[in-house]
Amino acid sequence: MRRARASRQRGASLTEALVALVILSVGLLALAQLQMRVLASSGFSKAQTSAINLAQETFERLRASAYDEIHDGSDWPPIEMGHTAVFARAWSVTEDPDLAFKTIRITTAWQSIEGIDQSVTLTGIIARGSP
């Protein structure tokens, strides 16, 4: 009776171990791919947020200027620590003399890690006599 019980208890065969290894490998590869997509998305979000902040900073600087000193322009903001993107910023000013206001259109552009050109645009109005 002991011999019958011992013959029924076997370990995992080599085939079962290989199948388990393949399933584990496929799962780990899928997890690694997901992680890479999350990192890429996180990098894009960080660059986009920085671009929006740079555009807002320019708008606030123009708003604080004298009304007659607000003109078209462009610059290359300094690269901040931890950023991989290089930003270019340009703004255009359109004046409506009848209504005494200027429309400011600020575009901040950068290139993604994949080499795709990206940009955000902020549009605002500054009236004569604005604080």
Protein backbone atom coordinates (compact mmCIF):
# COMPACT_ATOMS: atom_id res chain seq x y z
CA MET A 1 0.00 0.00 0.00
CA ARG A 2 2.86 2.33 0.65
CA ARG A 3 4.26 1.74 -2.79
CA ALA A 4 0.98 2.69 -4.48
CA ARG A 5 0.80 5.97 -2.59
CA ALA A 6 4.43 6.83 -3.39
CA SER A 7 3.96 6.24 -7.12
CA ARG A 8 1.05 8.69 -7.29
CA GLN A 9 3.06 11.55 -5.74
CA ARG A 10 5.20 13.05 -8.47
CA GLY A 11 6.86 16.45 -8.85
CA ALA A 12 6.30 18.89 -11.70
CA SER A 13 7.53 17.67 -15.04
CA LEU A 14 9.95 19.65 -17.18
CA THR A 15 7.14 20.47 -19.62
CA GLU A 16 4.98 21.95 -16.86
CA ALA A 17 7.92 24.02 -15.59
CA LEU A 18 8.62 25.37 -19.10
CA VAL A 19 4.95 26.28 -19.63
CA ALA A 20 4.92 28.09 -16.29
CA LEU A 21 8.12 29.93 -17.25
CA VAL A 22 6.66 31.03 -20.60
CA ILE A 23 3.47 32.31 -18.93
CA LEU A 24 5.52 34.19 -16.33
CA SER A 25 7.77 35.69 -19.02
CA VAL A 26 4.82 36.91 -21.10
CA GLY A 27 3.30 38.52 -18.01
CA LEU A 28 6.53 40.25 -17.05
CA LEU A 29 7.07 41.55 -20.59
CA ALA A 30 3.55 42.98 -20.64
CA LEU A 31 4.18 44.64 -17.29
CA ALA A 32 7.46 46.15 -18.55
CA GLN A 33 5.73 47.50 -21.65
CA LEU A 34 2.99 49.03 -19.51
CA GLN A 35 5.63 50.69 -17.31
CA MET A 36 7.35 52.20 -20.36
CA ARG A 37 4.04 53.66 -21.58
CA VAL A 38 3.33 55.13 -18.16
CA LEU A 39 6.78 56.74 -18.06
CA ALA A 40 6.36 58.20 -21.55
CA SER A 41 2.93 59.57 -20.66
CA SER A 42 4.30 61.02 -17.44
CA GLY A 43 7.12 62.75 -19.34
CA PHE A 44 4.66 64.25 -21.82
CA SER A 45 2.42 65.51 -19.01
CA LYS A 46 5.38 67.08 -17.25
CA ALA A 47 6.52 68.85 -20.43
CA GLN A 48 2.99 70.02 -21.22
CA THR A 49 2.52 71.43 -17.72
CA SER A 50 5.85 73.24 -17.93
CA ALA A 51 4.90 74.69 -21.33
CA ILE A 52 1.59 75.98 -19.97
CA ASN A 53 3.38 77.52 -16.98
CA LEU A 54 5.89 79.24 -19.27
CA ALA A 55 3.07 80.69 -21.39
CA GLN A 56 1.23 81.88 -18.27
CA GLU A 57 4.45 83.44 -16.95
CA THR A 58 4.86 85.39 -20.19
CA PHE A 59 1.26 86.58 -20.12
CA GLU A 60 1.64 87.81 -16.54
CA ARG A 61 4.89 89.61 -17.42
CA LEU A 62 3.21 91.32 -20.40
CA ARG A 63 0.20 92.23 -18.29
CA ALA A 64 2.48 93.90 -15.75
CA SER A 65 4.12 95.99 -18.54
CA ALA A 66 2.92 99.37 -19.66
CA TYR A 67 0.18 99.00 -22.29
CA ASP A 68 2.18 100.77 -25.01
CA GLU A 69 5.23 98.53 -24.38
CA ILE A 70 3.42 95.27 -25.18
CA HIS A 71 4.76 93.97 -28.51
CA ASP A 72 5.42 90.71 -30.36
CA GLY A 73 8.40 88.69 -29.21
CA SER A 74 10.00 85.34 -28.65
CA ASP A 75 12.61 83.72 -26.44
CA TRP A 76 14.15 80.43 -25.32
CA PRO A 77 13.39 79.95 -21.63
CA PRO A 78 16.23 78.44 -19.59
CA ILE A 79 16.14 74.68 -19.09
CA GLU A 80 15.07 73.75 -15.58
CA MET A 81 16.60 70.95 -13.56
CA GLY A 82 14.95 67.61 -14.24
CA HIS A 83 13.58 68.58 -17.66
CA THR A 84 14.59 66.91 -20.88
CA ALA A 85 12.60 69.22 -23.16
CA VAL A 86 13.90 72.46 -24.65
CA PHE A 87 11.15 75.04 -24.95
CA ALA A 88 10.73 77.87 -27.45
CA ARG A 89 8.26 80.60 -26.62
CA ALA A 90 6.72 83.16 -29.02
CA TRP A 91 3.94 85.67 -28.60
CA SER A 92 2.00 87.82 -30.99
CA VAL A 93 0.10 90.98 -30.11
CA THR A 94 -2.93 92.21 -32.03
CA GLU A 95 -4.32 95.60 -31.08
CA ASP A 96 -7.87 96.83 -31.55
CA PRO A 97 -7.50 100.62 -31.32
CA ASP A 98 -11.26 101.24 -31.34
CA LEU A 99 -11.90 99.11 -28.28
CA ALA A 100 -8.54 99.82 -26.56
CA PHE A 101 -7.41 96.28 -25.93
CA LYS A 102 -4.70 93.92 -27.14
CA THR A 103 -5.11 90.24 -27.82
CA ILE A 104 -2.04 88.25 -26.78
CA ARG A 105 -1.41 84.80 -28.26
CA ILE A 106 1.47 82.91 -26.61
CA THR A 107 2.72 79.62 -28.01
CA THR A 108 5.23 77.44 -26.19
CA ALA A 109 6.71 74.66 -28.33
CA TRP A 110 8.95 71.69 -27.59
CA GLN A 111 9.90 68.36 -29.09
CA SER A 112 8.86 65.12 -27.42
CA ILE A 113 11.27 62.28 -26.70
CA GLU A 114 9.94 60.55 -29.82
CA GLY A 115 10.90 63.62 -31.89
CA ILE A 116 7.33 64.83 -32.41
CA ASP A 117 6.78 68.61 -32.34
CA GLN A 118 4.38 69.63 -29.57
CA SER A 119 2.98 73.00 -28.54
CA VAL A 120 0.46 74.71 -26.30
CA THR A 121 -1.14 78.08 -26.97
CA LEU A 122 -2.53 80.54 -24.46
CA THR A 123 -4.68 83.44 -25.62
CA GLY A 124 -5.65 86.39 -23.45
CA ILE A 125 -6.80 89.98 -23.63
CA ILE A 126 -5.16 92.98 -21.99
CA ALA A 127 -7.19 96.18 -21.85
CA ARG A 128 -5.77 99.68 -21.64
CA GLY A 129 -5.60 100.59 -17.99
CA SER A 130 -5.50 96.94 -16.76
CA PRO A 131 -3.81 96.54 -13.37
